[in-house]
Structures are given as C-alpha cells and as structure tokens.
Amino acid sequence: MQKTNKKEIKRYKSVFFDFGGTLMNAESDNIAHLHMMEDIIQKYNLSVRPEDLVTKYNSFLFTKEMTLLDSYPEDKSFTPLRESTKKAFIGILSEYNVRPSKEDYHWFKKMYFENHKKYVKLFPETLEIIKHLRNHKSIHIGIISDIDNDYQDFQFKVFGIKEMFDSITTSEEVKSYKPESKIFQVALKKAGCRGEESIMVGDSYKKDIIGGKNMGMTTIWINKFSGDDTDKDKADFIVKDLKEISPILDKLIK
C-alpha cells in the first residue's frame, strides 16, 4: 500500500467503485471475447485463428472514432458501447467479404450476452469487500461505470449483486464517459454528498483516478500493470490488487 498525498482523515459518506477491471475480472472478459470469436468462425466458416480474430475485433473496437480510446470524449457525441461492438462485428466480417443481415445482428447480440454470462467473473474478493462495507450502515455504496444499461442490468443479475449497491450510474444513463465530470456529478447527487465526502476505487488512472480527483474525491488506484510511475501521482492510495483496499477503507471510514 502506498499513500501518495497525505491528507487529514475526514468523515466519508460514500464509496464508489468502477466495475470492469475493478470488481469484475477483465481477463475473464477477454476469455468471453475469445469464445465469441470461436462462435463467429464456426457460423461464417472463416479461416482464421480465434486469437487472431480477437486482435482484428479489438482493432475495430478500440479506435479513436469509437468510445474506448477517445483522448477527449467531450469532443464527440455519446455512442453506446453496443454500437461500437456492432461496428466491430461488421468490421471483422468485412475482412472476409461477409455483409451481415439484420438476423446476423440479432444473433451477434444474443451470442455476446451468452458468452459473457458464461465466462465473465467477479474477482474472488469482490463480494467479501462489498459485504464488509455494508456493515457501515451510514456509507453509501455506488457504482460508476462506462457501461451500457442493458449489459449492466444483465451482468448484475447474473452475479446477483444489484441489491448490494445503493446506486448504479452508467455512462449510457448520463450520456458521457469518465473522466468527464457529468457522470461523477450524477453519482454524487444520488448519494447526497460532495466529492470531498466520497472515495473512488478504480483500475483506470485516466478515467477513475483523474475523474475522481477532479471532483475532489479521495481515490484508490488499483494499479495492476503500470508499476511505479512518478508521473501518475494524483492517486491518494495505490495498490496492486483489489483485496488490498480493505484496510485502507477501514481506516478511512472507521
């Protein structure tokens, strides 16, 4: 555990979590995508390895024209993630001269949800941490996630965790993505508190930590891959793993 900015302990009213990569294991999402590609290969009889098709799919999904790599998302209109995945589906099929029909789109959406239901997992410590937080009766527990409403509803029902949170704020709900202030403002309004009275936990420095700090929130960065980076010093606490946040939260909200 590392604390980068020393602050006086204050009374907190809310703890917010990112979802994908923070409470949900991002690697399990990658596994779901691999199985999606296997289904696409089988349906359209494509001559390509699933791993290579995942790379092609991501090349269409993670572009500056689509949401996930926008450097300045406020400069473009909001696009739901489902539209980006649909464009990626069209893109990989176009590589093999296949033009999907409306029925193909319906099949893709169904297959997308089926694979995510089967393979996407929470981190093992997720439920324990949230249940432990619930012991603090006065603490509002919320989700702030760049996610579509239908996927969020679907996945939370699969995991049986929807009732564990006092509020869930999605990018589709507010028509903006982190680190824009709007999504944080809506979440804070639901909690009935100010940024200075809140804690943000997330794995994305740009989206979760910068977005949270811009609102005055205390931030816990789950930095799994970046290692020590002196340029990224705005996080109040830095950990390598979700399970490391429990003693920090206990100290902050005791």
Protein backbone atom coordinates (compact mmCIF):
# COMPACT_ATOMS: atom_id res chain seq x y z
CA MET A 1 0.00 0.00 0.00
CA GLN A 2 1.24 3.45 -0.84
CA LYS A 3 -0.27 6.80 0.03
CA THR A 4 0.79 9.47 -2.41
CA ASN A 5 -0.98 12.51 -1.00
CA LYS A 6 -1.11 12.98 2.75
CA LYS A 7 -4.48 14.18 3.98
CA GLU A 8 -6.26 14.57 7.26
CA ILE A 9 -8.72 11.78 7.97
CA LYS A 10 -12.25 13.06 7.39
CA ARG A 11 -15.75 11.71 7.59
CA TYR A 12 -16.79 9.94 4.41
CA LYS A 13 -20.36 9.34 3.32
CA SER A 14 -19.87 7.25 0.16
CA VAL A 15 -17.61 4.77 -1.58
CA PHE A 16 -17.86 4.36 -5.37
CA PHE A 17 -16.43 1.54 -7.45
CA ASP A 18 -15.68 1.19 -11.11
CA PHE A 19 -16.94 -2.17 -12.42
CA GLY A 20 -14.92 -3.67 -15.31
CA GLY A 21 -11.34 -4.38 -14.25
CA THR A 22 -12.07 -3.30 -10.67
CA LEU A 23 -14.80 -5.60 -9.34
CA MET A 24 -15.11 -7.69 -12.50
CA ASN A 25 -12.07 -9.60 -13.73
CA ALA A 26 -11.05 -8.05 -17.06
CA GLU A 27 -9.21 -11.22 -18.06
CA SER A 28 -12.49 -13.16 -17.86
CA ASP A 29 -13.95 -10.60 -20.28
CA ASN A 30 -11.09 -11.36 -22.66
CA ILE A 31 -11.92 -15.05 -22.39
CA ALA A 32 -15.55 -14.28 -23.27
CA HIS A 33 -14.36 -12.40 -26.36
CA LEU A 34 -12.20 -15.35 -27.42
CA HIS A 35 -15.21 -17.66 -27.28
CA MET A 36 -17.25 -15.09 -29.19
CA MET A 37 -14.70 -15.26 -31.98
CA GLU A 38 -14.88 -19.06 -31.98
CA ASP A 39 -18.65 -18.82 -32.47
CA ILE A 40 -18.23 -16.30 -35.30
CA ILE A 41 -15.63 -18.50 -37.01
CA GLN A 42 -17.92 -21.51 -36.83
CA LYS A 43 -21.05 -19.66 -38.02
CA TYR A 44 -19.38 -18.00 -41.01
CA ASN A 45 -16.84 -20.73 -41.75
CA LEU A 46 -13.90 -18.34 -41.52
CA SER A 47 -10.32 -19.47 -41.96
CA VAL A 48 -8.66 -17.69 -39.05
CA ARG A 49 -7.45 -18.48 -35.54
CA PRO A 50 -9.72 -17.22 -32.72
CA GLU A 51 -6.79 -15.34 -31.19
CA ASP A 52 -6.15 -13.52 -34.46
CA LEU A 53 -9.82 -12.67 -34.86
CA VAL A 54 -9.84 -11.20 -31.34
CA THR A 55 -6.98 -8.95 -32.44
CA LYS A 56 -8.97 -7.88 -35.51
CA TYR A 57 -12.09 -7.32 -33.40
CA ASN A 58 -10.17 -5.14 -30.95
CA SER A 59 -8.61 -3.16 -33.79
CA PHE A 60 -12.11 -2.13 -34.84
CA LEU A 61 -13.39 -1.69 -31.28
CA PHE A 62 -10.50 0.32 -29.83
CA THR A 63 -10.20 3.23 -32.24
CA LYS A 64 -10.32 7.00 -31.83
CA GLU A 65 -13.62 7.02 -33.69
CA MET A 66 -15.12 4.74 -31.06
CA THR A 67 -15.57 5.43 -27.40
CA LEU A 68 -12.85 3.43 -25.75
CA LEU A 69 -9.77 5.29 -26.97
CA ASP A 70 -11.11 8.82 -27.21
CA SER A 71 -8.49 11.19 -25.83
CA TYR A 72 -11.09 13.90 -25.47
CA PRO A 73 -14.51 12.21 -25.27
CA GLU A 74 -16.22 15.54 -24.64
CA ASP A 75 -15.38 16.49 -28.25
CA LYS A 76 -17.71 13.87 -29.71
CA SER A 77 -21.29 12.80 -29.33
CA PHE A 78 -22.03 9.91 -27.00
CA THR A 79 -22.03 6.44 -28.56
CA PRO A 80 -23.26 3.43 -26.54
CA LEU A 81 -20.85 0.54 -26.29
CA ARG A 82 -23.34 -1.72 -28.10
CA GLU A 83 -22.95 0.45 -31.20
CA SER A 84 -19.17 0.13 -31.03
CA THR A 85 -19.34 -3.66 -30.69
CA LYS A 86 -21.78 -3.82 -33.60
CA LYS A 87 -19.36 -1.81 -35.76
CA ALA A 88 -16.53 -4.13 -34.72
CA PHE A 89 -18.65 -7.14 -35.70
CA ILE A 90 -19.32 -5.58 -39.11
CA GLY A 91 -15.64 -4.74 -39.42
CA ILE A 92 -14.28 -8.23 -38.88
CA LEU A 93 -16.84 -9.77 -41.24
CA SER A 94 -15.99 -7.21 -43.92
CA GLU A 95 -12.43 -8.58 -43.83
CA TYR A 96 -13.89 -11.80 -45.23
CA ASN A 97 -16.39 -10.18 -47.61
CA VAL A 98 -19.38 -11.04 -45.42
CA ARG A 99 -22.17 -8.48 -45.13
CA PRO A 100 -24.25 -9.20 -42.01
CA SER A 101 -28.03 -9.08 -42.18
CA LYS A 102 -30.46 -7.91 -39.52
CA GLU A 103 -30.76 -11.54 -38.39
CA ASP A 104 -26.97 -11.68 -38.06
CA TYR A 105 -27.05 -8.66 -35.76
CA HIS A 106 -29.68 -10.33 -33.57
CA TRP A 107 -27.57 -13.48 -33.45
CA PHE A 108 -24.46 -11.49 -32.52
CA LYS A 109 -26.21 -9.71 -29.65
CA LYS A 110 -27.59 -12.97 -28.27
CA MET A 111 -24.22 -14.69 -28.62
CA TYR A 112 -22.48 -11.71 -26.96
CA PHE A 113 -24.66 -11.97 -23.86
CA GLU A 114 -24.48 -15.76 -23.71
CA ASN A 115 -20.68 -15.78 -23.72
CA HIS A 116 -20.44 -13.01 -21.16
CA LYS A 117 -22.90 -14.82 -18.90
CA LYS A 118 -20.85 -18.00 -19.12
CA TYR A 119 -17.30 -16.67 -18.82
CA VAL A 120 -17.22 -13.25 -17.15
CA LYS A 121 -16.37 -13.46 -13.44
CA LEU A 122 -16.04 -11.19 -10.45
CA PHE A 123 -12.75 -11.08 -8.61
CA PRO A 124 -12.87 -13.64 -5.75
CA GLU A 125 -12.70 -10.92 -3.08
CA THR A 126 -15.38 -8.66 -4.58
CA LEU A 127 -18.36 -9.97 -2.62
CA GLU A 128 -16.44 -10.09 0.65
CA ILE A 129 -15.35 -6.45 0.30
CA ILE A 130 -18.84 -5.18 -0.55
CA LYS A 131 -20.44 -7.20 2.25
CA HIS A 132 -17.86 -5.85 4.68
CA LEU A 133 -18.66 -2.28 3.60
CA ARG A 134 -22.36 -2.94 4.17
CA ASN A 135 -21.53 -3.24 7.88
CA HIS A 136 -21.04 0.53 7.81
CA LYS A 137 -24.72 1.42 7.76
CA SER A 138 -24.16 5.11 7.04
CA ILE A 139 -21.95 4.55 3.97
CA HIS A 140 -23.49 4.86 0.50
CA ILE A 141 -22.01 2.21 -1.83
CA GLY A 142 -22.21 3.03 -5.52
CA ILE A 143 -21.06 2.02 -8.98
CA ILE A 144 -19.74 4.49 -11.57
CA SER A 145 -19.11 2.59 -14.78
CA ASP A 146 -18.59 3.18 -18.50
CA ILE A 147 -21.17 0.58 -19.42
CA ASP A 148 -24.48 0.27 -21.26
CA ASN A 149 -27.63 -0.05 -19.17
CA ASP A 150 -28.73 -3.36 -20.64
CA TYR A 151 -25.35 -5.01 -20.13
CA GLN A 152 -25.11 -3.65 -16.59
CA ASP A 153 -28.60 -4.94 -15.72
CA PHE A 154 -27.87 -8.30 -17.31
CA GLN A 155 -24.48 -8.81 -15.67
CA PHE A 156 -25.56 -7.66 -12.21
CA LYS A 157 -28.50 -10.08 -12.31
CA VAL A 158 -26.13 -12.89 -13.34
CA PHE A 159 -23.88 -12.12 -10.39
CA GLY A 160 -26.79 -11.42 -8.03
CA ILE A 161 -25.20 -8.18 -6.82
CA LYS A 162 -27.60 -5.43 -7.86
CA GLU A 163 -29.17 -5.13 -4.41
CA MET A 164 -25.75 -4.79 -2.80
CA PHE A 165 -25.35 -1.25 -4.15
CA ASP A 166 -27.23 1.88 -3.15
CA SER A 167 -26.77 3.42 -6.59
CA ILE A 168 -25.52 2.48 -10.04
CA THR A 169 -24.57 5.20 -12.52
CA THR A 170 -23.74 4.22 -16.09
CA SER A 171 -22.27 6.12 -19.00
CA GLU A 172 -25.38 5.41 -21.06
CA GLU A 173 -27.62 6.84 -18.35
CA VAL A 174 -25.84 10.21 -18.34
CA LYS A 175 -24.63 10.14 -21.97
CA SER A 176 -20.99 10.70 -21.07
CA TYR A 177 -17.90 8.72 -20.19
CA LYS A 178 -15.35 9.02 -17.40
CA PRO A 179 -13.33 11.13 -16.72
CA GLU A 180 -15.97 13.71 -17.68
CA SER A 181 -17.48 15.35 -14.62
CA LYS A 182 -21.11 14.70 -15.52
CA ILE A 183 -21.14 11.00 -14.65
CA PHE A 184 -19.49 11.72 -11.28
CA GLN A 185 -21.88 14.60 -10.57
CA VAL A 186 -24.91 12.38 -11.17
CA ALA A 187 -23.48 9.65 -8.93
CA LEU A 188 -22.71 12.10 -6.14
CA LYS A 189 -26.21 13.57 -6.37
CA LYS A 190 -27.68 10.09 -5.94
CA ALA A 191 -25.53 9.64 -2.83
CA GLY A 192 -26.46 13.07 -1.50
CA CYS A 193 -22.89 14.08 -0.84
CA ARG A 194 -19.97 16.13 -2.14
CA GLY A 195 -16.83 14.83 -3.81
CA GLU A 196 -14.82 15.65 -0.69
CA GLU A 197 -17.02 13.24 1.26
CA SER A 198 -16.50 10.38 -1.20
CA ILE A 199 -14.00 7.69 -2.12
CA MET A 200 -13.45 6.43 -5.69
CA VAL A 201 -11.94 2.98 -6.32
CA GLY A 202 -10.87 2.05 -9.85
CA ASP A 203 -8.23 0.47 -12.06
CA SER A 204 -8.05 3.20 -14.72
CA TYR A 205 -5.82 6.11 -13.78
CA LYS A 206 -7.21 8.36 -16.50
CA LYS A 207 -10.88 7.54 -16.07
CA ASP A 208 -11.31 6.70 -12.39
CA ILE A 209 -8.49 8.50 -10.61
CA ILE A 210 -8.28 11.71 -12.65
CA GLY A 211 -12.07 11.83 -12.94
CA GLY A 212 -12.48 11.34 -9.20
CA LYS A 213 -9.78 13.84 -8.23
CA ASN A 214 -11.37 16.46 -10.48
CA MET A 215 -14.44 16.15 -8.24
CA GLY A 216 -12.42 16.35 -5.01
CA MET A 217 -12.80 12.65 -4.23
CA THR A 218 -10.26 10.57 -2.32
CA THR A 219 -9.01 7.94 -4.76
CA ILE A 220 -7.71 4.38 -4.53
CA TRP A 221 -5.96 3.24 -7.70
CA ILE A 222 -5.73 -0.49 -8.35
CA ASN A 223 -2.57 -0.33 -10.46
CA LYS A 224 -2.15 -3.91 -11.66
CA PHE A 225 0.08 -3.36 -14.64
CA SER A 226 1.74 0.04 -14.72
CA GLY A 227 4.23 -0.40 -11.91
CA ASP A 228 5.62 2.68 -10.19
CA ASP A 229 5.01 5.78 -12.23
CA THR A 230 6.04 9.08 -10.71
CA ASP A 231 4.08 10.97 -13.36
CA LYS A 232 0.84 9.45 -12.08
CA ASP A 233 0.88 10.92 -8.61
CA LYS A 234 -2.69 12.11 -8.15
CA ALA A 235 -3.95 8.89 -6.58
CA ASP A 236 -4.24 9.11 -2.80
CA PHE A 237 -3.62 5.38 -2.42
CA ILE A 238 -2.06 2.88 -4.81
CA VAL A 239 -2.48 -0.89 -4.54
CA LYS A 240 -1.74 -3.83 -6.81
CA ASP A 241 -4.82 -5.87 -6.02
CA LEU A 242 -8.44 -5.34 -5.03
CA LYS A 243 -8.03 -7.27 -1.78
CA GLU A 244 -5.54 -4.65 -0.58
CA ILE A 245 -8.19 -1.93 -0.34
CA SER A 246 -9.97 -3.34 2.75
CA PRO A 247 -7.53 -1.98 5.39
CA ILE A 248 -7.49 1.38 3.60
CA LEU A 249 -11.28 1.63 3.60
CA ASP A 250 -11.42 0.51 7.23
CA LYS A 251 -9.02 3.29 8.20
CA LEU A 252 -10.84 5.94 6.18
CA ILE A 253 -14.39 5.20 7.28
CA LYS A 254 -13.86 3.90 10.83
